[in-house]
Amino acid sequence: MWSKLCNFLHDIAGVPSYKRYLEHLAKHHPNQEPLSEKEFHRQATDKKYGGGSIRRCC
């Protein structure tokens, strides 16, 4: 129950799922080597926040 709720809230907040990324990669791109979890989250953060190009909070 809590796991499903957490997944739902992460989806709403736009938090990417490394597990879903791995499942997608295995299904659609089986020959591609997956990113490490750290690199996956770094790329997701860069994509969401402009890769460090934002220099202010608002």
PDB file of N, CA and C in Angstrom:
ATOM      1  N   MET A   1       0.827  -1.196   0.000  1.00  0.00           N
ATOM      2  CA  MET A   1       0.000   0.000   0.000  1.00  0.00           C
ATOM      3  C   MET A   1       0.870   1.259   0.000  1.00  0.00           C
ATOM      4  N   TRP A   2       1.807   1.351   0.953  1.00  0.00           N
ATOM      5  CA  TRP A   2       2.655   2.546   1.034  1.00  0.00           C
ATOM      6  C   TRP A   2       3.524   2.692  -0.201  1.00  0.00           C
ATOM      7  N   SER A   3       3.984   1.576  -0.719  1.00  0.00           N
ATOM      8  CA  SER A   3       4.836   1.602  -1.906  1.00  0.00           C
ATOM      9  C   SER A   3       4.081   2.198  -3.093  1.00  0.00           C
ATOM     10  N   LYS A   4       2.835   1.784  -3.265  1.00  0.00           N
ATOM     11  CA  LYS A   4       2.019   2.307  -4.365  1.00  0.00           C
ATOM     12  C   LYS A   4       1.746   3.792  -4.169  1.00  0.00           C
ATOM     13  N   LEU A   5       1.484   4.187  -2.938  1.00  0.00           N
ATOM     14  CA  LEU A   5       1.240   5.594  -2.647  1.00  0.00           C
ATOM     15  C   LEU A   5       2.485   6.427  -2.929  1.00  0.00           C
ATOM     16  N   CYS A   6       3.636   5.937  -2.502  1.00  0.00           N
ATOM     17  CA  CYS A   6       4.894   6.652  -2.760  1.00  0.00           C
ATOM     18  C   CYS A   6       5.154   6.772  -4.256  1.00  0.00           C
ATOM     19  N   ASN A   7       4.936   5.688  -4.998  1.00  0.00           N
ATOM     20  CA  ASN A   7       5.116   5.740  -6.450  1.00  0.00           C
ATOM     21  C   ASN A   7       4.181   6.762  -7.079  1.00  0.00           C
ATOM     22  N   PHE A   8       2.933   6.785  -6.633  1.00  0.00           N
ATOM     23  CA  PHE A   8       1.954   7.739  -7.145  1.00  0.00           C
ATOM     24  C   PHE A   8       2.399   9.176  -6.868  1.00  0.00           C
ATOM     25  N   LEU A   9       2.831   9.445  -5.645  1.00  0.00           N
ATOM     26  CA  LEU A   9       3.269  10.795  -5.292  1.00  0.00           C
ATOM     27  C   LEU A   9       4.531  11.192  -6.055  1.00  0.00           C
ATOM     28  N   HIS A  10       5.433  10.256  -6.267  1.00  0.00           N
ATOM     29  CA  HIS A  10       6.632  10.541  -7.060  1.00  0.00           C
ATOM     30  C   HIS A  10       6.251  10.878  -8.496  1.00  0.00           C
ATOM     31  N   ASP A  11       5.275  10.157  -9.043  1.00  0.00           N
ATOM     32  CA  ASP A  11       4.812  10.451 -10.402  1.00  0.00           C
ATOM     33  C   ASP A  11       4.242  11.860 -10.494  1.00  0.00           C
ATOM     34  N   ILE A  12       3.443  12.238  -9.526  1.00  0.00           N
ATOM     35  CA  ILE A  12       2.843  13.576  -9.521  1.00  0.00           C
ATOM     36  C   ILE A  12       3.921  14.650  -9.414  1.00  0.00           C
ATOM     37  N   ALA A  13       4.916  14.404  -8.575  1.00  0.00           N
ATOM     38  CA  ALA A  13       5.980  15.390  -8.355  1.00  0.00           C
ATOM     39  C   ALA A  13       7.015  15.388  -9.473  1.00  0.00           C
ATOM     40  N   GLY A  14       6.932  14.412 -10.377  1.00  0.00           N
ATOM     41  CA  GLY A  14       7.896  14.359 -11.471  1.00  0.00           C
ATOM     42  C   GLY A  14       9.218  13.718 -11.097  1.00  0.00           C
ATOM     43  N   VAL A  15       9.218  12.913 -10.040  1.00  0.00           N
ATOM     44  CA  VAL A  15      10.436  12.217  -9.624  1.00  0.00           C
ATOM     45  C   VAL A  15      10.581  10.973 -10.504  1.00  0.00           C
ATOM     46  N   PRO A  16      11.686  10.849 -11.219  1.00  0.00           N
ATOM     47  CA  PRO A  16      11.838   9.712 -12.124  1.00  0.00           C
ATOM     48  C   PRO A  16      12.084   8.405 -11.368  1.00  0.00           C
ATOM     49  N   SER A  17      11.682   7.306 -11.982  1.00  0.00           N
ATOM     50  CA  SER A  17      11.852   5.988 -11.375  1.00  0.00           C
ATOM     51  C   SER A  17      12.965   5.231 -12.086  1.00  0.00           C
ATOM     52  N   TYR A  18      14.020   4.932 -11.369  1.00  0.00           N
ATOM     53  CA  TYR A  18      15.133   4.180 -11.943  1.00  0.00           C
ATOM     54  C   TYR A  18      14.676   2.772 -12.315  1.00  0.00           C
ATOM     55  N   LYS A  19      13.827   2.185 -11.488  1.00  0.00           N
ATOM     56  CA  LYS A  19      13.318   0.835 -11.767  1.00  0.00           C
ATOM     57  C   LYS A  19      12.546   0.819 -13.086  1.00  0.00           C
ATOM     58  N   ARG A  20      11.667   1.807 -13.282  1.00  0.00           N
ATOM     59  CA  ARG A  20      10.909   1.868 -14.539  1.00  0.00           C
ATOM     60  C   ARG A  20      11.814   2.135 -15.727  1.00  0.00           C
ATOM     61  N   TYR A  21      12.849   2.945 -15.511  1.00  0.00           N
ATOM     62  CA  TYR A  21      13.835   3.198 -16.562  1.00  0.00           C
ATOM     63  C   TYR A  21      14.494   1.891 -16.989  1.00  0.00           C
ATOM     64  N   LEU A  22      14.911   1.068 -16.019  1.00  0.00           N
ATOM     65  CA  LEU A  22      15.548  -0.209 -16.332  1.00  0.00           C
ATOM     66  C   LEU A  22      14.588  -1.151 -17.060  1.00  0.00           C
ATOM     67  N   GLU A  23      13.325  -1.173 -16.625  1.00  0.00           N
ATOM     68  CA  GLU A  23      12.331  -2.020 -17.286  1.00  0.00           C
ATOM     69  C   GLU A  23      12.113  -1.575 -18.729  1.00  0.00           C
ATOM     70  N   HIS A  24      12.000  -0.274 -18.947  1.00  0.00           N
ATOM     71  CA  HIS A  24      11.821   0.267 -20.299  1.00  0.00           C
ATOM     72  C   HIS A  24      13.027  -0.061 -21.170  1.00  0.00           C
ATOM     73  N   LEU A  25      14.203   0.131 -20.626  1.00  0.00           N
ATOM     74  CA  LEU A  25      15.434  -0.124 -21.373  1.00  0.00           C
ATOM     75  C   LEU A  25      15.525  -1.596 -21.783  1.00  0.00           C
ATOM     76  N   ALA A  26      15.206  -2.490 -20.863  1.00  0.00           N
ATOM     77  CA  ALA A  26      15.266  -3.927 -21.165  1.00  0.00           C
ATOM     78  C   ALA A  26      14.259  -4.318 -22.242  1.00  0.00           C
ATOM     79  N   LYS A  27      13.092  -3.694 -22.212  1.00  0.00           N
ATOM     80  CA  LYS A  27      12.033  -4.041 -23.168  1.00  0.00           C
ATOM     81  C   LYS A  27      12.265  -3.426 -24.547  1.00  0.00           C
ATOM     82  N   HIS A  28      12.659  -2.149 -24.581  1.00  0.00           N
ATOM     83  CA  HIS A  28      12.724  -1.418 -25.849  1.00  0.00           C
ATOM     84  C   HIS A  28      14.129  -1.227 -26.403  1.00  0.00           C
ATOM     85  N   HIS A  29      15.140  -1.313 -25.570  1.00  0.00           N
ATOM     86  CA  HIS A  29      16.528  -1.080 -25.988  1.00  0.00           C
ATOM     87  C   HIS A  29      17.448  -2.115 -25.330  1.00  0.00           C
ATOM     88  N   PRO A  30      17.230  -3.400 -25.600  1.00  0.00           N
ATOM     89  CA  PRO A  30      17.967  -4.446 -24.876  1.00  0.00           C
ATOM     90  C   PRO A  30      19.482  -4.432 -25.096  1.00  0.00           C
ATOM     91  N   ASN A  31      19.943  -3.837 -26.174  1.00  0.00           N
ATOM     92  CA  ASN A  31      21.384  -3.816 -26.446  1.00  0.00           C
ATOM     93  C   ASN A  31      22.091  -2.609 -25.836  1.00  0.00           C
ATOM     94  N   GLN A  32      21.323  -1.686 -25.286  1.00  0.00           N
ATOM     95  CA  GLN A  32      21.896  -0.468 -24.712  1.00  0.00           C
ATOM     96  C   GLN A  32      22.268  -0.703 -23.249  1.00  0.00           C
ATOM     97  N   GLU A  33      23.454  -0.256 -22.877  1.00  0.00           N
ATOM     98  CA  GLU A  33      23.892  -0.390 -21.485  1.00  0.00           C
ATOM     99  C   GLU A  33      23.202   0.679 -20.635  1.00  0.00           C
ATOM    100  N   PRO A  34      22.610   0.290 -19.503  1.00  0.00           N
ATOM    101  CA  PRO A  34      21.911   1.274 -18.674  1.00  0.00           C
ATOM    102  C   PRO A  34      22.875   2.213 -17.952  1.00  0.00           C
ATOM    103  N   LEU A  35      22.367   3.395 -17.659  1.00  0.00           N
ATOM    104  CA  LEU A  35      23.110   4.340 -16.837  1.00  0.00           C
ATOM    105  C   LEU A  35      23.155   3.809 -15.407  1.00  0.00           C
ATOM    106  N   SER A  36      24.148   4.242 -14.660  1.00  0.00           N
ATOM    107  CA  SER A  36      24.140   3.927 -13.230  1.00  0.00           C
ATOM    108  C   SER A  36      22.987   4.708 -12.600  1.00  0.00           C
ATOM    109  N   GLU A  37      22.564   4.289 -11.436  1.00  0.00           N
ATOM    110  CA  GLU A  37      21.459   4.993 -10.781  1.00  0.00           C
ATOM    111  C   GLU A  37      21.833   6.446 -10.505  1.00  0.00           C
ATOM    112  N   LYS A  38      23.068   6.672 -10.106  1.00  0.00           N
ATOM    113  CA  LYS A  38      23.533   8.032  -9.829  1.00  0.00           C
ATOM    114  C   LYS A  38      23.487   8.888 -11.096  1.00  0.00           C
ATOM    115  N   GLU A  39      23.982   8.353 -12.210  1.00  0.00           N
ATOM    116  CA  GLU A  39      23.983   9.098 -13.467  1.00  0.00           C
ATOM    117  C   GLU A  39      22.553   9.320 -13.974  1.00  0.00           C
ATOM    118  N   PHE A  40      21.685   8.330 -13.794  1.00  0.00           N
ATOM    119  CA  PHE A  40      20.281   8.466 -14.184  1.00  0.00           C
ATOM    120  C   PHE A  40      19.635   9.654 -13.476  1.00  0.00           C
ATOM    121  N   HIS A  41      19.832   9.731 -12.160  1.00  0.00           N
ATOM    122  CA  HIS A  41      19.225  10.823 -11.394  1.00  0.00           C
ATOM    123  C   HIS A  41      19.887  12.164 -11.718  1.00  0.00           C
ATOM    124  N   ARG A  42      21.175  12.162 -11.989  1.00  0.00           N
ATOM    125  CA  ARG A  42      21.859  13.396 -12.375  1.00  0.00           C
ATOM    126  C   ARG A  42      21.275  13.930 -13.687  1.00  0.00           C
ATOM    127  N   GLN A  43      21.098  13.054 -14.670  1.00  0.00           N
ATOM    128  CA  GLN A  43      20.539  13.486 -15.955  1.00  0.00           C
ATOM    129  C   GLN A  43      19.101  13.967 -15.800  1.00  0.00           C
ATOM    130  N   ALA A  44      18.316  13.278 -14.974  1.00  0.00           N
ATOM    131  CA  ALA A  44      16.932  13.684 -14.749  1.00  0.00           C
ATOM    132  C   ALA A  44      16.873  15.060 -14.088  1.00  0.00           C
ATOM    133  N   THR A  45      17.749  15.302 -13.134  1.00  0.00           N
ATOM    134  CA  THR A  45      17.798  16.603 -12.461  1.00  0.00           C
ATOM    135  C   THR A  45      18.237  17.695 -13.428  1.00  0.00           C
ATOM    136  N   ASP A  46      19.247  17.411 -14.233  1.00  0.00           N
ATOM    137  CA  ASP A  46      19.706  18.383 -15.227  1.00  0.00           C
ATOM    138  C   ASP A  46      18.596  18.708 -16.217  1.00  0.00           C
ATOM    139  N   LYS A  47      17.855  17.687 -16.641  1.00  0.00           N
ATOM    140  CA  LYS A  47      16.762  17.898 -17.591  1.00  0.00           C
ATOM    141  C   LYS A  47      15.663  18.756 -16.960  1.00  0.00           C
ATOM    142  N   LYS A  48      15.341  18.465 -15.705  1.00  0.00           N
ATOM    143  CA  LYS A  48      14.259  19.186 -15.031  1.00  0.00           C
ATOM    144  C   LYS A  48      14.633  20.630 -14.715  1.00  0.00           C
ATOM    145  N   TYR A  49      15.887  20.854 -14.321  1.00  0.00           N
ATOM    146  CA  TYR A  49      16.291  22.180 -13.863  1.00  0.00           C
ATOM    147  C   TYR A  49      17.263  22.884 -14.793  1.00  0.00           C
ATOM    148  N   GLY A  50      17.377  22.436 -16.017  1.00  0.00           N
ATOM    149  CA  GLY A  50      18.175  23.157 -16.999  1.00  0.00           C
ATOM    150  C   GLY A  50      19.658  22.874 -16.961  1.00  0.00           C
ATOM    151  N   GLY A  51      20.089  21.812 -16.338  1.00  0.00           N
ATOM    152  CA  GLY A  51      21.499  21.425 -16.362  1.00  0.00           C
ATOM    153  C   GLY A  51      22.441  22.442 -15.766  1.00  0.00           C
ATOM    154  N   GLY A  52      22.001  23.127 -14.739  1.00  0.00           N
ATOM    155  CA  GLY A  52      22.873  24.089 -14.079  1.00  0.00           C
ATOM    156  C   GLY A  52      22.822  25.478 -14.679  1.00  0.00           C
ATOM    157  N   SER A  53      21.955  25.687 -15.669  1.00  0.00           N
ATOM    158  CA  SER A  53      21.891  27.003 -16.305  1.00  0.00           C
ATOM    159  C   SER A  53      21.072  28.008 -15.497  1.00  0.00           C
ATOM    160  N   ILE A  54      20.297  27.523 -14.531  1.00  0.00           N
ATOM    161  CA  ILE A  54      19.510  28.421 -13.688  1.00  0.00           C
ATOM    162  C   ILE A  54      20.403  28.933 -12.565  1.00  0.00           C
ATOM    163  N   ARG A  55      20.504  30.232 -12.433  1.00  0.00           N
ATOM    164  CA  ARG A  55      21.396  30.836 -11.441  1.00  0.00           C
ATOM    165  C   ARG A  55      20.649  31.514 -10.294  1.00  0.00           C
ATOM    166  N   ARG A  56      19.345  31.329 -10.244  1.00  0.00           N
ATOM    167  CA  ARG A  56      18.561  31.958  -9.187  1.00  0.00           C
ATOM    168  C   ARG A  56      17.467  30.999  -8.739  1.00  0.00           C
ATOM    169  N   CYS A  57      16.832  31.294  -7.627  1.00  0.00           N
ATOM    170  CA  CYS A  57      15.811  30.383  -7.111  1.00  0.00           C
ATOM    171  C   CYS A  57      14.423  30.665  -7.675  1.00  0.00           C
ATOM    172  N   CYS A  58      14.141  31.882  -8.111  1.00  0.00           N
ATOM    173  CA  CYS A  58      12.786  32.228  -8.554  1.00  0.00           C
ATOM    174  C   CYS A  58      12.767  32.899  -9.905  1.00  0.00           C
TER     175      CYS A  58
END
